[in-house]
Amino acid sequence: MFAVTIGSIINQLSNYFSKYTKIVRMTAWIFRFSHNARHKNKRKGELSFEESDEAEEKLIRIIQQEHKEQIEKQSGKSRQIYSDTDMIMRVNPFEAK
């Protein structure tokens, strides 16, 4: 059995591609391949905006999870970190009182 984590794939993509947009597109293609392998309704043709947008959100979530402690340390106690409805971490730009 061969298991690969999404985090390791992202690390490989970032070593191979130098542009963020290429990493997002390649991630979207990987998610499409995964979808097509598991479902009867196959996605075909060019990537849709929705597929690219979903891939970008997943990338952000994965990167934030991998670096959560570092993000919390750098934001400091004066800034409030919260997750939005898409579970993407946000930092309140205003200092907590």
N, C-alpha and C. Protein backbone atom coordinates (compact mmCIF):
# COMPACT_ATOMS: atom_id res chain seq x y z
N MET A 1 0.85 -1.18 0.00
CA MET A 1 0.00 0.00 0.00
C MET A 1 0.89 1.24 0.00
N PHE A 2 0.44 2.24 -0.71
CA PHE A 2 1.21 3.48 -0.86
C PHE A 2 0.37 4.63 -0.34
N ALA A 3 0.87 5.32 0.65
CA ALA A 3 0.12 6.44 1.23
C ALA A 3 0.94 7.71 1.12
N VAL A 4 0.28 8.76 0.68
CA VAL A 4 0.92 10.07 0.55
C VAL A 4 0.02 11.08 1.23
N THR A 5 0.60 11.95 2.03
CA THR A 5 -0.20 12.98 2.67
C THR A 5 -0.27 14.20 1.78
N ILE A 6 -1.34 14.96 1.94
CA ILE A 6 -1.50 16.19 1.16
C ILE A 6 -0.36 17.15 1.47
N GLY A 7 0.06 17.21 2.73
CA GLY A 7 1.16 18.10 3.10
C GLY A 7 2.44 17.78 2.36
N SER A 8 2.74 16.49 2.19
CA SER A 8 3.95 16.12 1.47
C SER A 8 3.82 16.45 -0.01
N ILE A 9 2.62 16.33 -0.57
CA ILE A 9 2.40 16.70 -1.97
C ILE A 9 2.62 18.19 -2.15
N ILE A 10 2.10 18.99 -1.23
CA ILE A 10 2.26 20.44 -1.33
C ILE A 10 3.74 20.82 -1.25
N ASN A 11 4.48 20.17 -0.37
CA ASN A 11 5.92 20.44 -0.28
C ASN A 11 6.61 20.12 -1.60
N GLN A 12 6.24 19.00 -2.22
CA GLN A 12 6.84 18.64 -3.51
C GLN A 12 6.46 19.64 -4.59
N LEU A 13 5.20 20.08 -4.60
CA LEU A 13 4.76 21.05 -5.60
C LEU A 13 5.50 22.37 -5.44
N SER A 14 5.70 22.80 -4.19
CA SER A 14 6.39 24.07 -3.97
C SER A 14 7.86 23.99 -4.36
N ASN A 15 8.43 22.80 -4.33
CA ASN A 15 9.81 22.63 -4.79
C ASN A 15 9.89 22.61 -6.32
N TYR A 16 8.82 22.16 -6.96
CA TYR A 16 8.82 22.00 -8.41
C TYR A 16 8.35 23.26 -9.14
N PHE A 17 7.32 23.91 -8.60
CA PHE A 17 6.77 25.11 -9.24
C PHE A 17 7.16 26.35 -8.45
N SER A 18 7.49 27.41 -9.15
CA SER A 18 7.90 28.64 -8.47
C SER A 18 6.76 29.64 -8.33
N LYS A 19 5.68 29.44 -9.09
CA LYS A 19 4.57 30.39 -9.05
C LYS A 19 3.40 29.81 -8.27
N TYR A 20 2.82 30.64 -7.43
CA TYR A 20 1.69 30.25 -6.60
C TYR A 20 0.53 29.75 -7.46
N THR A 21 0.24 30.44 -8.57
CA THR A 21 -0.89 30.06 -9.42
C THR A 21 -0.70 28.66 -10.00
N LYS A 22 0.53 28.29 -10.30
CA LYS A 22 0.78 26.94 -10.82
C LYS A 22 0.57 25.89 -9.74
N ILE A 23 0.93 26.21 -8.52
CA ILE A 23 0.71 25.28 -7.41
C ILE A 23 -0.79 25.08 -7.20
N VAL A 24 -1.56 26.16 -7.26
CA VAL A 24 -3.02 26.06 -7.09
C VAL A 24 -3.62 25.22 -8.21
N ARG A 25 -3.22 25.48 -9.44
CA ARG A 25 -3.76 24.73 -10.58
C ARG A 25 -3.42 23.25 -10.48
N MET A 26 -2.17 22.94 -10.14
CA MET A 26 -1.78 21.54 -10.04
C MET A 26 -2.55 20.86 -8.90
N THR A 27 -2.75 21.56 -7.81
CA THR A 27 -3.54 21.02 -6.71
C THR A 27 -4.96 20.75 -7.16
N ALA A 28 -5.53 21.65 -7.94
CA ALA A 28 -6.89 21.46 -8.46
C ALA A 28 -6.95 20.23 -9.36
N TRP A 29 -5.92 20.03 -10.18
CA TRP A 29 -5.89 18.83 -11.03
C TRP A 29 -5.79 17.56 -10.19
N ILE A 30 -5.03 17.61 -9.11
CA ILE A 30 -4.91 16.44 -8.22
C ILE A 30 -6.26 16.14 -7.58
N PHE A 31 -6.96 17.17 -7.11
CA PHE A 31 -8.27 16.95 -6.51
C PHE A 31 -9.27 16.43 -7.55
N ARG A 32 -9.16 16.89 -8.81
CA ARG A 32 -10.04 16.38 -9.86
C ARG A 32 -9.76 14.90 -10.10
N PHE A 33 -8.48 14.54 -10.17
CA PHE A 33 -8.12 13.14 -10.35
C PHE A 33 -8.70 12.29 -9.22
N SER A 34 -8.56 12.78 -8.00
CA SER A 34 -9.10 12.07 -6.84
C SER A 34 -10.61 11.91 -6.95
N HIS A 35 -11.29 12.97 -7.35
CA HIS A 35 -12.75 12.92 -7.52
C HIS A 35 -13.12 11.90 -8.59
N ASN A 36 -12.45 11.96 -9.73
CA ASN A 36 -12.77 11.05 -10.84
C ASN A 36 -12.48 9.59 -10.51
N ALA A 37 -11.52 9.35 -9.64
CA ALA A 37 -11.20 7.98 -9.24
C ALA A 37 -12.27 7.40 -8.31
N ARG A 38 -12.98 8.27 -7.60
CA ARG A 38 -13.96 7.81 -6.62
C ARG A 38 -15.41 7.91 -7.06
N HIS A 39 -15.71 8.67 -8.10
CA HIS A 39 -17.10 8.91 -8.49
C HIS A 39 -17.36 8.48 -9.94
N LYS A 40 -18.61 8.14 -10.19
CA LYS A 40 -18.98 7.76 -11.56
C LYS A 40 -19.12 8.98 -12.46
N ASN A 41 -19.58 10.10 -11.91
CA ASN A 41 -19.70 11.31 -12.72
C ASN A 41 -18.32 11.97 -12.82
N LYS A 42 -17.68 11.79 -13.95
CA LYS A 42 -16.31 12.28 -14.16
C LYS A 42 -16.32 13.74 -14.58
N ARG A 43 -15.40 14.50 -14.04
CA ARG A 43 -15.20 15.89 -14.45
C ARG A 43 -14.24 15.89 -15.63
N LYS A 44 -14.60 16.66 -16.67
CA LYS A 44 -13.79 16.68 -17.89
C LYS A 44 -13.53 18.11 -18.31
N GLY A 45 -12.60 18.26 -19.24
CA GLY A 45 -12.34 19.58 -19.82
C GLY A 45 -11.42 20.41 -18.95
N GLU A 46 -11.45 21.71 -19.22
CA GLU A 46 -10.63 22.65 -18.46
C GLU A 46 -11.11 22.72 -17.01
N LEU A 47 -10.21 23.13 -16.13
CA LEU A 47 -10.59 23.33 -14.74
C LEU A 47 -11.59 24.48 -14.65
N SER A 48 -12.58 24.32 -13.80
CA SER A 48 -13.54 25.40 -13.58
C SER A 48 -12.98 26.35 -12.53
N PHE A 49 -13.57 27.54 -12.48
CA PHE A 49 -13.19 28.50 -11.45
C PHE A 49 -13.43 27.90 -10.07
N GLU A 50 -14.56 27.20 -9.93
CA GLU A 50 -14.90 26.60 -8.64
C GLU A 50 -13.86 25.59 -8.19
N GLU A 51 -13.36 24.78 -9.13
CA GLU A 51 -12.33 23.80 -8.78
C GLU A 51 -11.04 24.49 -8.33
N SER A 52 -10.65 25.54 -9.04
CA SER A 52 -9.44 26.28 -8.66
C SER A 52 -9.62 26.97 -7.32
N ASP A 53 -10.78 27.56 -7.11
CA ASP A 53 -11.07 28.26 -5.86
C ASP A 53 -11.07 27.28 -4.69
N GLU A 54 -11.68 26.12 -4.88
CA GLU A 54 -11.71 25.10 -3.84
C GLU A 54 -10.30 24.60 -3.52
N ALA A 55 -9.49 24.41 -4.55
CA ALA A 55 -8.11 23.96 -4.34
C ALA A 55 -7.32 24.99 -3.56
N GLU A 56 -7.52 26.27 -3.88
CA GLU A 56 -6.80 27.33 -3.17
C GLU A 56 -7.20 27.37 -1.70
N GLU A 57 -8.50 27.25 -1.42
CA GLU A 57 -8.95 27.24 -0.02
C GLU A 57 -8.38 26.04 0.73
N LYS A 58 -8.36 24.88 0.10
CA LYS A 58 -7.79 23.70 0.75
C LYS A 58 -6.30 23.87 1.01
N LEU A 59 -5.59 24.46 0.05
CA LEU A 59 -4.17 24.73 0.25
C LEU A 59 -3.94 25.63 1.45
N ILE A 60 -4.72 26.69 1.53
CA ILE A 60 -4.58 27.64 2.65
C ILE A 60 -4.83 26.93 3.97
N ARG A 61 -5.92 26.12 4.04
CA ARG A 61 -6.23 25.40 5.27
C ARG A 61 -5.11 24.45 5.66
N ILE A 62 -4.58 23.71 4.70
CA ILE A 62 -3.51 22.75 4.98
C ILE A 62 -2.26 23.45 5.48
N ILE A 63 -1.87 24.52 4.81
CA ILE A 63 -0.67 25.27 5.22
C ILE A 63 -0.86 25.88 6.60
N GLN A 64 -2.05 26.42 6.87
CA GLN A 64 -2.31 27.00 8.19
C GLN A 64 -2.28 25.94 9.27
N GLN A 65 -2.81 24.75 9.00
CA GLN A 65 -2.79 23.68 10.00
C GLN A 65 -1.35 23.25 10.30
N GLU A 66 -0.53 23.17 9.25
CA GLU A 66 0.86 22.76 9.45
C GLU A 66 1.65 23.79 10.24
N HIS A 67 1.27 25.05 10.15
CA HIS A 67 2.04 26.13 10.79
C HIS A 67 1.22 26.88 11.84
N LYS A 68 0.22 26.23 12.39
CA LYS A 68 -0.70 26.88 13.33
C LYS A 68 0.02 27.48 14.54
N GLU A 69 0.90 26.72 15.15
CA GLU A 69 1.60 27.22 16.34
C GLU A 69 2.45 28.44 16.00
N GLN A 70 3.14 28.38 14.88
CA GLN A 70 3.98 29.50 14.45
C GLN A 70 3.13 30.74 14.17
N ILE A 71 1.98 30.56 13.54
CA ILE A 71 1.07 31.68 13.25
C ILE A 71 0.59 32.31 14.56
N GLU A 72 0.22 31.48 15.52
CA GLU A 72 -0.27 31.99 16.80
C GLU A 72 0.82 32.75 17.55
N LYS A 73 2.05 32.26 17.51
CA LYS A 73 3.16 32.95 18.18
C LYS A 73 3.43 34.30 17.53
N GLN A 74 3.45 34.34 16.21
CA GLN A 74 3.77 35.57 15.50
C GLN A 74 2.67 36.62 15.62
N SER A 75 1.43 36.18 15.73
CA SER A 75 0.34 37.15 15.82
C SER A 75 0.31 37.81 17.20
N GLY A 76 0.87 37.14 18.19
CA GLY A 76 0.93 37.69 19.53
C GLY A 76 -0.40 37.62 20.25
N LYS A 77 -0.36 37.90 21.53
CA LYS A 77 -1.58 37.83 22.33
C LYS A 77 -2.48 39.03 22.09
N SER A 78 -1.94 40.10 21.51
CA SER A 78 -2.75 41.30 21.30
C SER A 78 -3.68 41.15 20.10
N ARG A 79 -3.48 40.14 19.29
CA ARG A 79 -4.32 39.91 18.12
C ARG A 79 -5.16 38.65 18.33
N GLN A 80 -6.40 38.72 17.94
CA GLN A 80 -7.29 37.59 18.10
C GLN A 80 -7.32 36.78 16.81
N ILE A 81 -7.09 35.47 16.91
CA ILE A 81 -7.16 34.57 15.76
C ILE A 81 -8.49 33.84 15.83
N TYR A 82 -9.18 33.79 14.70
CA TYR A 82 -10.45 33.08 14.63
C TYR A 82 -10.56 32.39 13.27
N SER A 83 -11.47 31.43 13.17
CA SER A 83 -11.70 30.74 11.90
C SER A 83 -13.01 31.22 11.31
N ASP A 84 -13.00 31.46 10.00
CA ASP A 84 -14.23 31.89 9.34
C ASP A 84 -15.08 30.68 8.99
N THR A 85 -16.14 30.88 8.22
CA THR A 85 -17.06 29.79 7.90
C THR A 85 -16.40 28.71 7.04
N ASP A 86 -15.33 29.06 6.33
CA ASP A 86 -14.60 28.08 5.51
C ASP A 86 -13.46 27.43 6.28
N MET A 87 -13.39 27.70 7.58
CA MET A 87 -12.35 27.17 8.46
C MET A 87 -10.96 27.66 8.08
N ILE A 88 -10.89 28.86 7.55
CA ILE A 88 -9.61 29.51 7.27
C ILE A 88 -9.33 30.46 8.42
N MET A 89 -8.12 30.37 8.98
CA MET A 89 -7.78 31.21 10.12
C MET A 89 -7.63 32.66 9.69
N ARG A 90 -8.19 33.54 10.47
CA ARG A 90 -8.10 34.98 10.23
C ARG A 90 -7.54 35.63 11.48
N VAL A 91 -6.89 36.76 11.29
CA VAL A 91 -6.36 37.52 12.42
C VAL A 91 -7.08 38.84 12.46
N ASN A 92 -7.63 39.16 13.63
CA ASN A 92 -8.30 40.44 13.81
C ASN A 92 -7.23 41.53 13.73
N PRO A 93 -7.39 42.51 12.82
CA PRO A 93 -6.35 43.53 12.65
C PRO A 93 -6.26 44.52 13.81
N PHE A 94 -7.28 44.52 14.66
CA PHE A 94 -7.31 45.46 15.77
C PHE A 94 -6.86 44.77 17.04
N GLU A 95 -6.13 45.49 17.86
CA GLU A 95 -5.62 44.91 19.10
C GLU A 95 -6.77 44.66 20.07
N ALA A 96 -6.68 43.53 20.76
CA ALA A 96 -7.68 43.20 21.78
C ALA A 96 -7.46 44.08 23.00
N LYS A 97 -8.55 44.46 23.63
CA LYS A 97 -8.43 45.33 24.82
C LYS A 97 -8.69 44.57 26.07
